[in-house]
Amino acid sequence: MGDGQSGGDDYTIRFFEPADRNDFLGLYRSVMGPATEAWFRWKYEDNPYVAHVPVVVAVDDTDGVVAARPQVPYRMQAGETRTLALRFGDTIVHEDHRRKGLFTRTTAFAMDYYSGQPPRFAFNFPNSLSEPGYRNVGGELVQELVTRYRVHDPGSVIDEGSPAGADSLASVGGRVVSAARTAERTLRDVDFGGSVVRYEDPPAERLAGLASRATERRVHAVRDEPFYRWRFANPRWSYDSYVAERDGEAVAALITGTARTERGTVTNVMEPVPIDRTVRPRAAMRALLAAVVEDASDSTLVAVAGDTVDPGLLRRFGFLPDDRRPLSLGASPSRQIAYDLADAGEQAWQVGGLDIRRPENWALTFSEHDSR
């Protein structure tokens, strides 16, 4: 897996080894929050795209694992090309070992190792604190990925400390809840000549067959059976699949994930199936959204990321974007960063004829966004 590298302060930078598991979980819990062995197995060991555990660690002779640089491999479609890519996760550094360059060193180690290997590029959505570090190791800002929310509790997206300007928080809260309630008549006016069937466990084979109809060539994860079996096995979330059927044939689907979070009970529309709008009947999508919204009526909010679901249709169901008022007063889009891993024989930043620095060349959902 490559030789470890030692440097100042006697840290060894290398890939994760089985004996590191308890150290890694303890470090993660101290910095990021709860972490179980089942979650670790799902995210890093059961990933179907690589044979190793894709986590770089920094090891101190006395304290053991004191920093970690995880990444999650995906098989991606870009134009007519299918290639391995990495979604960088959160770099974790123990509080006693910060400001010693471990963020940069572990990230640079990962990029050096994977450069020229099967992963052709990497991407992630860092927070404002870590983004400068990722930019320093070659990351380029691609876009601000808009998320649309149907809000049932305004406190879940509008913080008390948010700079509301001329709008009082009460007014903002009233507006976001009103948007959801106004859409109720849309729920009552849905009939596409078929039915919606809900599955508590995503039917991987059926979803993969439906996904294979896609013609989308912007950058996105390949939706095959291994993807559906792995991606929606995250033990932290509960997933449902809504399949629109007409005359016994599946014509479109939505996958949702629900969990109790710091925002309350959140339901995310993880992705539509197929991924591109052109092969999904609009009437079927209306029926699917109606079913999702009705089932999620007790959730604090329902969220959809990106543009793979028609924003106009979402607006009819009471979803508001986080890049404009009123939600922009307390929320903001996620910032996507891309990293080129081309070797000497490949054209930099070009994958399948697409420039991965350009936002119009990506078609991302929550399924690629993070591990929710």
Protein backbone atom coordinates (compact mmCIF):
# COMPACT_ATOMS: atom_id res chain seq x y z
CA MET A 1 0.00 0.00 0.00
CA GLY A 2 3.01 2.25 -0.20
CA ASP A 3 5.70 3.06 2.30
CA GLY A 4 4.96 5.27 5.28
CA GLN A 5 6.64 8.63 5.47
CA SER A 6 8.22 10.07 8.59
CA GLY A 7 8.89 13.75 9.06
CA GLY A 8 9.13 16.40 11.74
CA ASP A 9 7.74 15.58 15.20
CA ASP A 10 8.32 11.86 14.50
CA TYR A 11 4.95 11.28 12.81
CA THR A 12 4.60 8.41 10.37
CA ILE A 13 2.13 8.99 7.53
CA ARG A 14 0.77 5.76 6.04
CA PHE A 15 -2.38 3.90 5.13
CA PHE A 16 -4.70 2.44 7.75
CA GLU A 17 -3.87 -0.99 9.13
CA PRO A 18 -6.31 -3.35 10.94
CA ALA A 19 -4.67 -2.69 14.30
CA ASP A 20 -5.56 1.04 13.92
CA ARG A 21 -9.32 0.50 14.15
CA ASN A 22 -9.81 1.34 17.84
CA ASP A 23 -7.46 4.33 17.62
CA PHE A 24 -9.30 5.65 14.56
CA LEU A 25 -12.75 5.24 16.14
CA GLY A 26 -11.58 6.90 19.35
CA LEU A 27 -10.08 9.82 17.42
CA TYR A 28 -13.21 10.20 15.31
CA ARG A 29 -15.46 10.21 18.37
CA SER A 30 -13.33 12.83 20.11
CA VAL A 31 -13.37 15.20 17.14
CA MET A 32 -16.43 14.43 15.00
CA GLY A 33 -18.93 12.59 17.19
CA PRO A 34 -20.42 9.09 17.43
CA ALA A 35 -18.84 6.31 15.36
CA THR A 36 -19.55 2.59 15.47
CA GLU A 37 -17.72 -0.40 14.06
CA ALA A 38 -20.74 -1.13 11.84
CA TRP A 39 -20.51 2.37 10.34
CA PHE A 40 -16.75 1.97 9.77
CA ARG A 41 -17.22 -1.39 8.05
CA TRP A 42 -19.92 0.04 5.79
CA LYS A 43 -18.10 3.20 4.80
CA TYR A 44 -14.53 1.97 4.37
CA GLU A 45 -14.29 -1.83 4.40
CA ASP A 46 -17.42 -2.80 2.44
CA ASN A 47 -16.95 -0.18 -0.27
CA PRO A 48 -17.15 -2.20 -3.53
CA TYR A 49 -14.66 -0.15 -5.54
CA VAL A 50 -11.27 -0.73 -3.88
CA ALA A 51 -9.61 -3.64 -2.10
CA HIS A 52 -7.89 -1.57 0.61
CA VAL A 53 -9.22 0.61 3.43
CA PRO A 54 -8.92 4.10 1.87
CA VAL A 55 -7.87 5.96 5.01
CA VAL A 56 -4.50 7.67 5.52
CA VAL A 57 -3.36 8.02 9.13
CA ALA A 58 -0.67 9.93 10.98
CA VAL A 59 0.87 7.86 13.77
CA ASP A 60 2.73 9.24 16.76
CA ASP A 61 5.15 6.90 18.56
CA THR A 62 3.54 7.66 21.92
CA ASP A 63 -0.10 8.53 21.17
CA GLY A 64 -0.80 6.20 18.25
CA VAL A 65 -3.16 7.45 15.50
CA VAL A 66 -3.44 11.22 15.96
CA ALA A 67 -4.76 12.25 12.52
CA ALA A 68 -6.72 10.59 9.74
CA ARG A 69 -7.43 11.49 6.12
CA PRO A 70 -10.36 9.32 4.90
CA GLN A 71 -11.65 9.13 1.33
CA VAL A 72 -14.57 7.25 -0.17
CA PRO A 73 -14.14 5.74 -3.66
CA TYR A 74 -16.91 5.96 -6.25
CA ARG A 75 -17.18 4.62 -9.78
CA MET A 76 -18.04 7.70 -11.81
CA GLN A 77 -19.44 8.47 -15.25
CA ALA A 78 -17.95 11.45 -17.10
CA GLY A 79 -19.01 11.84 -20.71
CA GLU A 80 -18.55 8.39 -22.23
CA THR A 81 -15.84 7.50 -19.69
CA ARG A 82 -16.25 5.46 -16.53
CA THR A 83 -13.48 5.84 -13.99
CA LEU A 84 -12.73 5.56 -10.30
CA ALA A 85 -12.86 8.77 -8.28
CA LEU A 86 -12.52 9.73 -4.62
CA ARG A 87 -14.76 11.80 -2.42
CA PHE A 88 -12.50 13.21 0.27
CA GLY A 89 -13.94 13.01 3.76
CA ASP A 90 -13.14 15.05 6.83
CA THR A 91 -9.51 15.20 7.87
CA ILE A 92 -9.40 14.55 11.62
CA VAL A 93 -6.57 15.80 13.85
CA HIS A 94 -6.30 15.26 17.60
CA GLU A 95 -6.40 18.54 19.50
CA ASP A 96 -2.93 17.93 21.02
CA HIS A 97 -1.39 17.52 17.56
CA ARG A 98 -2.90 20.42 15.64
CA ARG A 99 -0.93 23.20 13.95
CA LYS A 100 1.82 20.73 13.08
CA GLY A 101 1.00 20.35 9.40
CA LEU A 102 -0.84 17.03 9.67
CA PHE A 103 -3.83 18.23 7.62
CA THR A 104 -1.55 19.13 4.72
CA ARG A 105 0.74 16.13 5.09
CA THR A 106 -2.00 13.49 5.20
CA THR A 107 -3.88 15.09 2.30
CA ALA A 108 -0.71 15.43 0.22
CA PHE A 109 0.17 11.80 0.97
CA ALA A 110 -3.24 10.66 -0.32
CA MET A 111 -3.01 12.79 -3.46
CA ASP A 112 0.56 11.68 -4.18
CA TYR A 113 -0.36 8.03 -3.77
CA TYR A 114 -3.50 8.14 -5.91
CA SER A 115 -2.01 10.33 -8.65
CA GLY A 116 -1.53 8.03 -11.61
CA GLN A 117 -3.55 5.27 -9.89
CA PRO A 118 -7.05 4.32 -11.10
CA PRO A 119 -8.79 7.24 -9.32
CA ARG A 120 -8.77 9.95 -11.99
CA PHE A 121 -10.03 12.82 -9.83
CA ALA A 122 -11.37 13.65 -6.38
CA PHE A 123 -14.03 15.98 -5.00
CA ASN A 124 -15.56 17.03 -1.71
CA PHE A 125 -17.65 19.65 0.09
CA PRO A 126 -15.45 21.07 2.87
CA ASN A 127 -16.61 23.54 5.48
CA SER A 128 -15.27 27.08 5.63
CA LEU A 129 -12.54 26.13 8.12
CA SER A 130 -11.05 23.29 6.08
CA GLU A 131 -11.59 24.68 2.55
CA PRO A 132 -8.38 26.79 2.55
CA GLY A 133 -6.35 23.69 3.39
CA TYR A 134 -7.87 21.76 0.51
CA ARG A 135 -7.28 24.66 -1.86
CA ASN A 136 -3.62 24.73 -0.76
CA VAL A 137 -3.10 21.14 -1.95
CA GLY A 138 -4.48 21.83 -5.43
CA GLY A 139 -8.25 21.86 -5.02
CA GLU A 140 -10.32 24.10 -7.32
CA LEU A 141 -13.72 25.56 -6.46
CA VAL A 142 -16.32 24.12 -8.84
CA GLN A 143 -19.65 25.42 -7.62
CA GLU A 144 -21.96 26.21 -4.78
CA LEU A 145 -24.38 23.29 -4.80
CA VAL A 146 -27.87 24.55 -3.97
CA THR A 147 -30.04 22.56 -1.58
CA ARG A 148 -33.82 23.02 -1.55
CA TYR A 149 -35.77 22.56 1.66
CA ARG A 150 -39.39 21.94 2.48
CA VAL A 151 -39.39 23.30 6.02
CA HIS A 152 -41.81 22.18 8.72
CA ASP A 153 -39.82 23.73 11.60
CA PRO A 154 -38.06 27.00 10.66
CA GLY A 155 -35.61 26.61 13.55
CA SER A 156 -34.01 23.74 11.63
CA VAL A 157 -32.64 26.05 8.94
CA ILE A 158 -32.83 29.57 10.45
CA ASP A 159 -30.51 29.91 13.46
CA GLU A 160 -31.29 32.39 16.22
CA GLY A 161 -27.97 34.11 15.59
CA SER A 162 -28.54 34.51 11.85
CA PRO A 163 -28.32 38.07 10.45
CA ALA A 164 -31.93 38.40 9.39
CA GLY A 165 -31.61 42.00 8.28
CA ALA A 166 -34.95 43.69 7.75
CA ASP A 167 -36.77 40.39 8.10
CA SER A 168 -37.56 39.34 11.62
CA LEU A 169 -36.98 35.68 12.36
CA ALA A 170 -40.70 35.33 13.01
CA SER A 171 -41.43 36.64 9.53
CA VAL A 172 -38.85 34.35 7.96
CA GLY A 173 -40.20 31.35 9.82
CA GLY A 174 -43.72 32.20 8.76
CA ARG A 175 -42.67 32.42 5.12
CA VAL A 176 -40.90 29.07 4.98
CA VAL A 177 -43.71 27.21 6.72
CA SER A 178 -46.26 29.00 4.53
CA ALA A 179 -44.45 27.74 1.42
CA ALA A 180 -44.90 24.17 2.60
CA ARG A 181 -48.57 24.64 3.54
CA THR A 182 -49.42 26.40 0.31
CA ALA A 183 -48.19 23.35 -1.56
CA GLU A 184 -50.73 21.06 0.11
CA ARG A 185 -53.15 21.49 -2.77
CA THR A 186 -50.45 20.13 -5.08
CA LEU A 187 -50.45 16.93 -3.02
CA ARG A 188 -54.17 16.49 -3.57
CA ASP A 189 -53.95 16.91 -7.35
CA VAL A 190 -51.66 14.06 -8.40
CA ASP A 191 -52.75 11.30 -10.76
CA PHE A 192 -50.40 9.86 -13.36
CA GLY A 193 -52.37 6.75 -14.27
CA GLY A 194 -50.25 4.43 -12.16
CA SER A 195 -49.25 3.73 -8.58
CA VAL A 196 -46.37 4.41 -6.20
CA VAL A 197 -44.88 1.46 -4.31
CA ARG A 198 -42.65 2.06 -1.26
CA TYR A 199 -39.81 -0.31 -0.38
CA GLU A 200 -38.19 -0.15 3.07
CA ASP A 201 -34.98 -1.63 1.62
CA PRO A 202 -33.84 -0.31 -1.76
CA PRO A 203 -34.48 -3.02 -4.40
CA ALA A 204 -31.00 -2.86 -5.93
CA GLU A 205 -31.64 -4.94 -9.03
CA ARG A 206 -34.82 -3.07 -9.92
CA LEU A 207 -33.29 0.35 -9.29
CA ALA A 208 -30.20 -0.51 -11.33
CA GLY A 209 -32.36 -1.61 -14.24
CA LEU A 210 -34.31 1.63 -14.09
CA ALA A 211 -31.11 3.66 -13.74
CA SER A 212 -29.63 2.04 -16.86
CA ARG A 213 -32.10 4.02 -19.00
CA ALA A 214 -30.28 7.25 -18.14
CA THR A 215 -28.59 9.25 -20.88
CA GLU A 216 -26.96 11.74 -18.46
CA ARG A 217 -23.28 12.23 -19.30
CA ARG A 218 -22.42 14.92 -16.80
CA VAL A 219 -20.20 13.70 -13.96
CA HIS A 220 -22.06 11.46 -11.52
CA ALA A 221 -21.74 8.11 -9.76
CA VAL A 222 -22.53 5.02 -11.82
CA ARG A 223 -25.84 3.60 -10.59
CA ASP A 224 -25.39 -0.17 -10.79
CA GLU A 225 -26.33 -2.97 -8.39
CA PRO A 226 -23.13 -2.74 -6.30
CA PHE A 227 -23.77 0.99 -5.87
CA TYR A 228 -27.35 0.54 -4.65
CA ARG A 229 -26.46 -2.37 -2.35
CA TRP A 230 -23.59 -0.49 -0.72
CA ARG A 231 -24.58 3.19 -0.75
CA PHE A 232 -27.90 2.70 1.05
CA ALA A 233 -26.64 0.31 3.70
CA ASN A 234 -25.36 3.15 5.92
CA PRO A 235 -26.45 2.08 9.43
CA ARG A 236 -26.87 5.69 10.55
CA TRP A 237 -29.79 6.32 8.20
CA SER A 238 -33.06 4.61 7.30
CA TYR A 239 -33.73 4.47 3.55
CA ASP A 240 -36.95 4.10 1.57
CA SER A 241 -37.39 3.70 -2.17
CA TYR A 242 -40.52 5.02 -3.89
CA VAL A 243 -41.09 3.42 -7.29
CA ALA A 244 -43.68 4.80 -9.71
CA GLU A 245 -45.25 1.99 -11.74
CA ARG A 246 -47.51 2.10 -14.76
CA ASP A 247 -48.98 -1.16 -16.11
CA GLY A 248 -46.58 -3.08 -13.90
CA GLU A 249 -43.47 -1.32 -15.27
CA ALA A 250 -41.24 0.95 -13.20
CA VAL A 251 -41.00 4.38 -14.84
CA ALA A 252 -39.24 6.46 -12.15
CA ALA A 253 -38.19 6.34 -8.51
CA LEU A 254 -37.04 8.46 -5.58
CA ILE A 255 -34.83 7.24 -2.74
CA THR A 256 -35.04 8.95 0.64
CA GLY A 257 -32.93 8.76 3.79
CA THR A 258 -34.24 9.69 7.24
CA ALA A 259 -32.41 10.12 10.53
CA ARG A 260 -32.56 12.01 13.79
CA THR A 261 -29.95 14.80 13.59
CA GLU A 262 -29.08 18.02 15.41
CA ARG A 263 -31.72 19.66 13.21
CA GLY A 264 -34.38 17.22 14.32
CA THR A 265 -35.77 14.42 12.17
CA VAL A 266 -34.49 15.08 8.65
CA THR A 267 -35.61 13.39 5.45
CA ASN A 268 -33.31 13.77 2.45
CA VAL A 269 -34.38 12.99 -1.09
CA MET A 270 -31.14 11.18 -1.88
CA GLU A 271 -31.66 10.91 -5.61
CA PRO A 272 -34.12 10.38 -8.44
CA VAL A 273 -33.92 7.31 -10.67
CA PRO A 274 -32.98 7.55 -13.53
CA ILE A 275 -30.64 10.43 -12.75
CA ASP A 276 -31.57 12.64 -15.73
CA ARG A 277 -34.90 14.39 -16.08
CA THR A 278 -35.38 13.63 -19.79
CA VAL A 279 -36.28 9.97 -19.23
CA ARG A 280 -38.53 10.46 -16.18
CA PRO A 281 -42.22 11.22 -16.81
CA ARG A 282 -43.07 14.49 -15.08
CA ALA A 283 -46.45 13.17 -13.89
CA ALA A 284 -44.72 10.21 -12.25
CA MET A 285 -42.27 12.54 -10.50
CA ARG A 286 -45.17 14.57 -9.15
CA ALA A 287 -46.73 11.40 -7.75
CA LEU A 288 -43.42 10.34 -6.22
CA LEU A 289 -42.85 13.71 -4.56
CA ALA A 290 -46.41 13.69 -3.24
CA ALA A 291 -45.82 10.29 -1.63
CA VAL A 292 -42.48 11.37 -0.13
CA VAL A 293 -43.82 14.63 1.27
CA GLU A 294 -46.87 12.95 2.76
CA ASP A 295 -44.78 10.25 4.46
CA ALA A 296 -42.33 12.85 5.76
CA SER A 297 -44.99 15.12 7.26
CA ASP A 298 -43.59 14.52 10.75
CA SER A 299 -40.01 15.30 9.73
CA THR A 300 -38.51 18.65 10.68
CA LEU A 301 -37.57 19.25 7.07
CA VAL A 302 -37.23 17.53 3.70
CA ALA A 303 -34.18 18.35 1.57
CA VAL A 304 -33.10 17.88 -2.06
CA ALA A 305 -29.60 18.77 -3.34
CA GLY A 306 -28.55 19.74 -6.84
CA ASP A 307 -30.57 20.10 -10.03
CA THR A 308 -31.42 16.50 -10.95
CA VAL A 309 -34.99 17.07 -9.72
CA ASP A 310 -36.75 19.91 -11.57
CA PRO A 311 -36.54 23.04 -9.36
CA GLY A 312 -39.88 24.24 -10.71
CA LEU A 313 -41.56 21.03 -9.63
CA LEU A 314 -39.94 21.23 -6.22
CA ARG A 315 -41.19 24.78 -5.82
CA ARG A 316 -44.74 23.57 -6.36
CA PHE A 317 -44.25 21.23 -3.42
CA GLY A 318 -43.03 24.01 -1.14
CA PHE A 319 -39.26 23.55 -1.47
CA LEU A 320 -37.19 26.73 -1.15
CA PRO A 321 -33.50 27.14 -2.22
CA ASP A 322 -30.77 28.03 0.25
CA ASP A 323 -29.11 30.53 -2.13
CA ARG A 324 -31.84 33.16 -1.86
CA ARG A 325 -34.18 34.66 0.71
CA PRO A 326 -35.64 33.68 3.05
CA LEU A 327 -33.42 30.60 3.58
CA SER A 328 -30.20 32.41 2.65
CA LEU A 329 -30.59 34.39 5.88
CA GLY A 330 -29.66 31.30 7.87
CA ALA A 331 -28.35 28.71 5.40
CA SER A 332 -26.00 28.59 2.42
CA PRO A 333 -25.12 26.23 -0.44
CA SER A 334 -22.38 23.65 -0.06
CA ARG A 335 -19.13 24.54 -1.82
CA GLN A 336 -17.77 21.78 -4.05
CA ILE A 337 -14.02 21.41 -4.56
CA ALA A 338 -12.42 19.22 -7.27
CA TYR A 339 -8.91 17.77 -7.46
CA ASP A 340 -7.12 16.57 -10.56
CA LEU A 341 -5.21 13.27 -10.22
CA ALA A 342 -4.00 13.01 -13.83
CA ASP A 343 -0.70 11.35 -14.54
CA ALA A 344 1.87 12.66 -17.02
CA GLY A 345 0.09 11.12 -20.02
CA GLU A 346 -3.35 12.61 -19.33
CA GLN A 347 -4.75 16.06 -19.98
CA ALA A 348 -5.15 17.96 -16.73
CA TRP A 349 -8.70 18.52 -15.48
CA GLN A 350 -10.23 16.73 -18.50
CA VAL A 351 -12.22 13.52 -17.91
CA GLY A 352 -14.33 12.01 -20.68
CA GLY A 353 -14.03 15.27 -22.60
CA LEU A 354 -15.43 17.28 -19.68
CA ASP A 355 -13.63 19.96 -17.69
CA ILE A 356 -14.28 18.92 -14.10
CA ARG A 357 -13.74 22.49 -12.89
CA ARG A 358 -16.94 23.68 -14.62
CA PRO A 359 -20.21 23.41 -12.63
CA GLU A 360 -22.36 22.64 -15.69
CA ASN A 361 -20.43 19.39 -16.10
CA TRP A 362 -21.63 17.86 -12.83
CA ALA A 363 -24.92 16.13 -11.95
CA LEU A 364 -24.65 15.44 -8.23
CA THR A 365 -27.19 14.37 -5.62
CA PHE A 366 -26.99 13.70 -1.89
CA SER A 367 -25.78 10.20 -2.81
CA GLU A 368 -22.42 11.66 -3.90
CA HIS A 369 -22.52 14.67 -1.59
CA ASP A 370 -21.71 12.98 1.72
CA SER A 371 -22.47 9.94 3.83
CA ARG A 372 -25.95 10.81 4.96
